[in-house]
C-alpha atoms as a PDB file:
ATOM      1  CA  MET A   1       4.952  -2.811 -16.106  1.00  0.00           C
ATOM      2  CA  GLN A   2       6.205  -0.093 -13.788  1.00  0.00           C
ATOM      3  CA  ASP A   3       6.179   3.557 -14.781  1.00  0.00           C
ATOM      4  CA  ASP A   4       9.564   5.155 -14.150  1.00  0.00           C
ATOM      5  CA  ARG A   5       8.496   8.737 -14.864  1.00  0.00           C
ATOM      6  CA  PRO A   6       9.054  11.091 -11.956  1.00  0.00           C
ATOM      7  CA  LEU A   7       5.850  12.313 -10.342  1.00  0.00           C
ATOM      8  CA  ALA A   8       6.697  15.947 -11.033  1.00  0.00           C
ATOM      9  CA  SER A   9       6.942  15.198 -14.741  1.00  0.00           C
ATOM     10  CA  PHE A  10       3.527  13.540 -14.731  1.00  0.00           C
ATOM     11  CA  SER A  11       2.002  16.434 -12.771  1.00  0.00           C
ATOM     12  CA  MET A  12       3.397  18.940 -15.251  1.00  0.00           C
ATOM     13  CA  GLN A  13       2.098  16.839 -18.117  1.00  0.00           C
ATOM     14  CA  LEU A  14      -1.364  16.742 -16.525  1.00  0.00           C
ATOM     15  CA  SER A  15      -1.435  20.507 -16.174  1.00  0.00           C
ATOM     16  CA  LEU A  16      -0.212  21.167 -19.713  1.00  0.00           C
ATOM     17  CA  GLN A  17      -2.556  18.691 -21.359  1.00  0.00           C
ATOM     18  CA  VAL A  18      -5.598  20.184 -19.671  1.00  0.00           C
ATOM     19  CA  LEU A  19      -4.572  23.753 -20.449  1.00  0.00           C
ATOM     20  CA  ASP A  20      -3.975  22.921 -24.119  1.00  0.00           C
ATOM     21  CA  LYS A  21      -7.392  21.323 -24.668  1.00  0.00           C
ATOM     22  CA  LYS A  22     -10.572  23.097 -25.611  1.00  0.00           C
ATOM     23  CA  PRO A  23     -12.972  22.536 -22.707  1.00  0.00           C
ATOM     24  CA  ARG A  24     -15.933  20.415 -23.726  1.00  0.00           C
ATOM     25  CA  THR A  25     -17.417  19.466 -20.363  1.00  0.00           C
ATOM     26  CA  TRP A  26     -17.286  20.866 -16.864  1.00  0.00           C
ATOM     27  CA  THR A  27     -14.753  18.176 -15.898  1.00  0.00           C
ATOM     28  CA  ASP A  28     -12.205  19.891 -18.152  1.00  0.00           C
ATOM     29  CA  PHE A  29     -12.210  22.774 -15.678  1.00  0.00           C
ATOM     30  CA  CYS A  30     -11.599  20.583 -12.631  1.00  0.00           C
ATOM     31  CA  PHE A  31      -8.503  20.994 -10.548  1.00  0.00           C
ATOM     32  CA  LEU A  32      -5.829  18.445 -11.352  1.00  0.00           C
ATOM     33  CA  PRO A  33      -3.676  18.206  -8.271  1.00  0.00           C
ATOM     34  CA  SER A  34       0.058  18.435  -8.614  1.00  0.00           C
ATOM     35  CA  LEU A  35       1.338  15.203  -7.116  1.00  0.00           C
ATOM     36  CA  GLU A  36       4.624  16.844  -6.245  1.00  0.00           C
ATOM     37  CA  LEU A  37       2.884  19.623  -4.324  1.00  0.00           C
ATOM     38  CA  LEU A  38       0.666  17.115  -2.520  1.00  0.00           C
ATOM     39  CA  ARG A  39       3.724  15.042  -1.564  1.00  0.00           C
ATOM     40  CA  HIS A  40       5.063  17.988   0.431  1.00  0.00           C
ATOM     41  CA  GLU A  41       1.852  18.300   2.438  1.00  0.00           C
ATOM     42  CA  ILE A  42       1.642  14.744   3.760  1.00  0.00           C
ATOM     43  CA  PRO A  43       4.022  12.570   5.786  1.00  0.00           C
ATOM     44  CA  LEU A  44       6.867  11.091   3.714  1.00  0.00           C
ATOM     45  CA  GLN A  45       6.199   7.572   5.025  1.00  0.00           C
ATOM     46  CA  THR A  46       2.579   7.813   3.837  1.00  0.00           C
ATOM     47  CA  CYS A  47       3.737   8.898   0.361  1.00  0.00           C
ATOM     48  CA  ARG A  48       6.166   5.995   0.174  1.00  0.00           C
ATOM     49  CA  GLN A  49       3.524   3.473   1.232  1.00  0.00           C
ATOM     50  CA  ILE A  50       1.002   4.767  -1.316  1.00  0.00           C
ATOM     51  CA  ASP A  51       3.631   4.896  -4.089  1.00  0.00           C
ATOM     52  CA  GLU A  52       4.710   1.319  -3.381  1.00  0.00           C
ATOM     53  CA  VAL A  53       1.143   0.004  -3.457  1.00  0.00           C
ATOM     54  CA  MET A  54       0.414   1.801  -6.727  1.00  0.00           C
ATOM     55  CA  ALA A  55       3.562   0.407  -8.369  1.00  0.00           C
ATOM     56  CA  ARG A  56       2.820  -3.123  -7.135  1.00  0.00           C
ATOM     57  CA  THR A  57      -0.773  -3.085  -8.435  1.00  0.00           C
ATOM     58  CA  SER A  58      -0.225  -1.168 -11.691  1.00  0.00           C
ATOM     59  CA  HIS A  59      -0.518  -4.350 -13.781  1.00  0.00           C
ATOM     60  CA  LEU A  60      -4.119  -4.897 -12.623  1.00  0.00           C
ATOM     61  CA  THR A  61      -7.205  -3.360 -14.236  1.00  0.00           C
ATOM     62  CA  HIS A  62      -8.190  -0.302 -12.217  1.00  0.00           C
ATOM     63  CA  PHE A  63     -11.754   0.130 -10.978  1.00  0.00           C
ATOM     64  CA  PHE A  64     -12.955   3.471  -9.640  1.00  0.00           C
ATOM     65  CA  TRP A  65     -16.285   4.233  -8.006  1.00  0.00           C
ATOM     66  CA  SER A  66     -18.446   7.197  -7.141  1.00  0.00           C
ATOM     67  CA  GLY A  67     -21.735   7.766  -5.385  1.00  0.00           C
ATOM     68  CA  GLN A  68     -24.400   5.993  -3.423  1.00  0.00           C
ATOM     69  CA  LEU A  69     -27.531   4.017  -4.037  1.00  0.00           C
ATOM     70  CA  LEU A  70     -30.728   6.068  -3.828  1.00  0.00           C
ATOM     71  CA  HIS A  71     -32.592   6.061  -0.558  1.00  0.00           C
ATOM     72  CA  TYR A  72     -29.427   4.946   1.260  1.00  0.00           C
ATOM     73  CA  PRO A  73     -27.523   8.144   2.089  1.00  0.00           C
ATOM     74  CA  SER A  74     -24.985   6.544   4.422  1.00  0.00           C
ATOM     75  CA  LYS A  75     -21.445   5.279   3.877  1.00  0.00           C
ATOM     76  CA  GLU A  76     -22.669   1.693   4.164  1.00  0.00           C
ATOM     77  CA  HIS A  77     -24.678   2.263   0.987  1.00  0.00           C
ATOM     78  CA  SER A  78     -21.947   3.751  -1.153  1.00  0.00           C
ATOM     79  CA  VAL A  79     -21.043   1.729  -4.208  1.00  0.00           C
ATOM     80  CA  GLU A  80     -17.564   1.039  -2.804  1.00  0.00           C
ATOM     81  CA  SER A  81     -18.382  -2.570  -1.860  1.00  0.00           C
ATOM     82  CA  ILE A  82     -20.063  -3.161  -5.236  1.00  0.00           C
ATOM     83  CA  ALA A  83     -16.965  -1.801  -6.980  1.00  0.00           C
ATOM     84  CA  ASN A  84     -14.702  -4.045  -4.881  1.00  0.00           C
ATOM     85  CA  ASP A  85     -16.827  -7.100  -5.741  1.00  0.00           C
ATOM     86  CA  ILE A  86     -16.820  -6.305  -9.468  1.00  0.00           C
ATOM     87  CA  ALA A  87     -13.074  -5.595  -9.472  1.00  0.00           C
ATOM     88  CA  GLN A  88     -12.295  -8.887  -7.699  1.00  0.00           C
ATOM     89  CA  SER A  89     -14.552 -10.886 -10.003  1.00  0.00           C
ATOM     90  CA  ARG A  90     -12.733  -9.436 -13.040  1.00  0.00           C
ATOM     91  CA  GLY A  91      -9.207  -9.729 -11.676  1.00  0.00           C
ATOM     92  CA  GLY A  92      -8.882  -5.997 -11.073  1.00  0.00           C
ATOM     93  CA  ILE A  93      -8.561  -3.742  -8.053  1.00  0.00           C
ATOM     94  CA  THR A  94      -9.989  -0.585  -6.504  1.00  0.00           C
ATOM     95  CA  LEU A  95      -7.912   2.037  -4.725  1.00  0.00           C
ATOM     96  CA  GLU A  96      -9.285   0.984  -1.351  1.00  0.00           C
ATOM     97  CA  GLY A  97      -8.747  -2.694  -2.152  1.00  0.00           C
ATOM     98  CA  ALA A  98      -5.145  -2.048  -3.155  1.00  0.00           C
ATOM     99  CA  LEU A  99      -4.381  -0.079  -0.001  1.00  0.00           C
ATOM    100  CA  ARG A 100      -6.128  -2.629   2.211  1.00  0.00           C
ATOM    101  CA  SER A 101      -4.358  -5.608   0.590  1.00  0.00           C
ATOM    102  CA  PHE A 102      -0.958  -4.102   1.456  1.00  0.00           C
ATOM    103  CA  GLY A 103      -1.949  -3.047   4.971  1.00  0.00           C
ATOM    104  CA  VAL A 104      -1.836   0.713   4.384  1.00  0.00           C
ATOM    105  CA  THR A 105      -3.913   2.501   6.999  1.00  0.00           C
ATOM    106  CA  MET A 106      -5.630   5.570   5.598  1.00  0.00           C
ATOM    107  CA  PRO A 107      -7.370   8.370   7.503  1.00  0.00           C
ATOM    108  CA  ASP A 108     -11.161   8.494   7.596  1.00  0.00           C
ATOM    109  CA  TYR A 109     -12.152  10.550   4.552  1.00  0.00           C
ATOM    110  CA  SER A 110     -15.478  11.493   6.092  1.00  0.00           C
ATOM    111  CA  GLU A 111     -13.655  13.659   8.637  1.00  0.00           C
ATOM    112  CA  ARG A 112     -12.838  16.081   5.787  1.00  0.00           C
ATOM    113  CA  ASP A 113      -9.920  17.660   7.618  1.00  0.00           C
ATOM    114  CA  ASN A 114      -7.200  19.081   5.369  1.00  0.00           C
ATOM    115  CA  LEU A 115      -4.663  16.311   5.965  1.00  0.00           C
ATOM    116  CA  SER A 116      -7.160  13.486   5.357  1.00  0.00           C
ATOM    117  CA  VAL A 117      -8.441  15.060   2.148  1.00  0.00           C
ATOM    118  CA  THR A 118      -4.885  15.720   0.932  1.00  0.00           C
ATOM    119  CA  ILE A 119      -3.776  12.131   1.600  1.00  0.00           C
ATOM    120  CA  TRP A 120      -6.819  10.678  -0.184  1.00  0.00           C
ATOM    121  CA  THR A 121      -6.430  13.130  -3.082  1.00  0.00           C
ATOM    122  CA  TYR A 122      -2.804  12.061  -3.443  1.00  0.00           C
ATOM    123  CA  ALA A 123      -3.745   8.364  -3.349  1.00  0.00           C
ATOM    124  CA  SER A 124      -6.538   8.892  -5.896  1.00  0.00           C
ATOM    125  CA  ALA A 125      -4.309  10.845  -8.272  1.00  0.00           C
ATOM    126  CA  CYS A 126      -1.583   8.184  -7.971  1.00  0.00           C
ATOM    127  CA  PHE A 127      -4.096   5.409  -8.640  1.00  0.00           C
ATOM    128  CA  ALA A 128      -5.150   7.250 -11.811  1.00  0.00           C
ATOM    129  CA  GLN A 129      -1.499   7.804 -12.790  1.00  0.00           C
ATOM    130  CA  TYR A 130      -0.694   4.096 -12.569  1.00  0.00           C
ATOM    131  CA  ALA A 131      -3.793   3.008 -14.508  1.00  0.00           C
ATOM    132  CA  SER A 132      -3.393   1.774 -18.075  1.00  0.00           C
ATOM    133  CA  GLY A 133      -5.496   0.284 -20.853  1.00  0.00           C
ATOM    134  CA  ASP A 134      -9.195   0.012 -20.097  1.00  0.00           C
ATOM    135  CA  VAL A 135     -10.377   1.331 -16.735  1.00  0.00           C
ATOM    136  CA  TYR A 136     -13.823   1.169 -15.161  1.00  0.00           C
ATOM    137  CA  VAL A 137     -15.915   3.363 -12.913  1.00  0.00           C
ATOM    138  CA  ILE A 138     -18.909   2.085 -10.981  1.00  0.00           C
ATOM    139  CA  TYR A 139     -21.511   4.827 -10.630  1.00  0.00           C
ATOM    140  CA  GLY A 140     -24.069   5.046  -7.879  1.00  0.00           C
ATOM    141  CA  GLU A 141     -27.567   6.309  -8.498  1.00  0.00           C
ATOM    142  CA  TRP A 142     -26.670   9.557  -6.752  1.00  0.00           C
ATOM    143  CA  ILE A 143     -23.355  11.417  -6.984  1.00  0.00           C
ATOM    144  CA  ASN A 144     -22.502  14.666  -5.234  1.00  0.00           C
ATOM    145  CA  GLU A 145     -20.733  16.508  -8.068  1.00  0.00           C
ATOM    146  CA  THR A 146     -19.191  19.039  -5.679  1.00  0.00           C
ATOM    147  CA  THR A 147     -17.346  16.520  -3.508  1.00  0.00           C
ATOM    148  CA  SER A 148     -16.938  13.569  -5.888  1.00  0.00           C
ATOM    149  CA  VAL A 149     -13.277  12.526  -5.965  1.00  0.00           C
ATOM    150  CA  TRP A 150     -14.024  10.673  -9.214  1.00  0.00           C
ATOM    151  CA  LEU A 151     -15.346  13.760 -11.008  1.00  0.00           C
ATOM    152  CA  ASN A 152     -12.910  16.263  -9.527  1.00  0.00           C
ATOM    153  CA  THR A 153      -9.630  14.319  -9.423  1.00  0.00           C
ATOM    154  CA  GLU A 154      -9.637  10.816 -10.886  1.00  0.00           C
ATOM    155  CA  TYR A 155     -11.572  11.306 -14.136  1.00  0.00           C
ATOM    156  CA  PRO A 156      -9.575  14.368 -15.272  1.00  0.00           C
ATOM    157  CA  ALA A 157      -6.304  12.617 -14.304  1.00  0.00           C
ATOM    158  CA  LEU A 158      -7.255   9.477 -16.241  1.00  0.00           C
ATOM    159  CA  ARG A 159      -8.122  11.524 -19.320  1.00  0.00           C
ATOM    160  CA  ALA A 160      -4.700  13.187 -19.140  1.00  0.00           C
ATOM    161  CA  ASN A 161      -2.910   9.847 -18.651  1.00  0.00           C
ATOM    162  CA  PRO A 162      -1.502   8.722 -22.036  1.00  0.00           C
ATOM    163  CA  LYS A 163      -1.485   5.072 -20.909  1.00  0.00           C
ATOM    164  CA  VAL A 164      -5.282   4.940 -20.519  1.00  0.00           C
ATOM    165  CA  GLY A 165      -7.080   3.761 -23.631  1.00  0.00           C
ATOM    166  CA  ARG A 166     -10.747   3.748 -22.650  1.00  0.00           C
ATOM    167  CA  ILE A 167     -12.930   4.474 -19.645  1.00  0.00           C
ATOM    168  CA  TRP A 168     -16.027   2.352 -19.081  1.00  0.00           C
ATOM    169  CA  LYS A 169     -18.963   3.187 -16.792  1.00  0.00           C
ATOM    170  CA  ILE A 170     -20.953   0.523 -14.943  1.00  0.00           C
ATOM    171  CA  GLN A 171     -24.186   1.830 -13.422  1.00  0.00           C
ATOM    172  CA  ALA A 172     -25.014   0.268 -10.041  1.00  0.00           C
ATOM    173  CA  HIS A 173     -28.504  -0.134  -8.631  1.00  0.00           C
ATOM    174  CA  TYR A 174     -29.751  -1.785  -5.486  1.00  0.00           C
ATOM    175  CA  GLY A 175     -29.353  -5.513  -6.180  1.00  0.00           C
ATOM    176  CA  CYS A 176     -27.998  -5.266  -9.754  1.00  0.00           C
ATOM    177  CA  VAL A 177     -25.598  -3.529 -12.123  1.00  0.00           C
ATOM    178  CA  GLU A 178     -25.949  -2.564 -15.775  1.00  0.00           C
ATOM    179  CA  GLY A 179     -23.504  -3.542 -18.503  1.00  0.00           C
ATOM    180  CA  SER A 180     -20.410  -1.500 -19.322  1.00  0.00           C
ATOM    181  CA  GLN A 181     -20.823   1.686 -21.340  1.00  0.00           C
ATOM    182  CA  GLN A 182     -17.806   3.462 -22.836  1.00  0.00           C
ATOM    183  CA  ILE A 183     -17.668   7.087 -21.680  1.00  0.00           C
ATOM    184  CA  TRP A 184     -14.237   8.118 -22.984  1.00  0.00           C
ATOM    185  CA  SER A 185     -11.454   6.944 -25.265  1.00  0.00           C
ATOM    186  CA  SER A 186      -7.996   8.359 -25.805  1.00  0.00           C
ATOM    187  CA  PRO A 187      -7.336  10.334 -28.978  1.00  0.00           C
ATOM    188  CA  VAL A 188      -4.949   7.555 -30.052  1.00  0.00           C
ATOM    189  CA  ASP A 189      -7.707   4.972 -29.533  1.00  0.00           C
ATOM    190  CA  ARG A 190     -10.179   7.087 -31.548  1.00  0.00           C
ATOM    191  CA  ILE A 191      -7.703   7.451 -34.426  1.00  0.00           C
ATOM    192  CA  ALA A 192      -6.981   3.721 -34.476  1.00  0.00           C
ATOM    193  CA  ALA A 193     -10.715   2.966 -34.574  1.00  0.00           C
ATOM    194  CA  SER A 194     -11.360   5.191 -37.611  1.00  0.00           C
END
């Protein structure tokens, strides 16, 4: 099912929903990027490629990830590959898997230059916008809360997305993962459960 809402409308909705809520956790204070503003800061072709991939994979269960395994502070030991494996085994997809499967070349995020960060922030926010139903996040044993795209962009955007019902956390360890633990449910989901 494709979402036909314009991006500007969704960005406005994100901003309004966060401003109207009473903050309960530090993530309520996180910056929710305006997709429309981000679109103007990156090449149009890149926006179109990302938008197309998100629309074409919106029917799949979305898997997010954040962090690294302890004692392995390099990119090779992030939980990205674990998240990709879990997503594939459950018929879902990660942001990186979606982009890779459609041949979209992304800049190296580790460079941390403004354009790279903006492009990845846009892709992450779009991935959260197109998510629906139950979504999952695979957590590493160590997460840098200051630079975590999950904590600062994706999680707040998912919580503001009315199509997301529940968010489940899967804790990753070296050589194993724990079972799913629900960390958030939409107000509609909470009302239906009571």
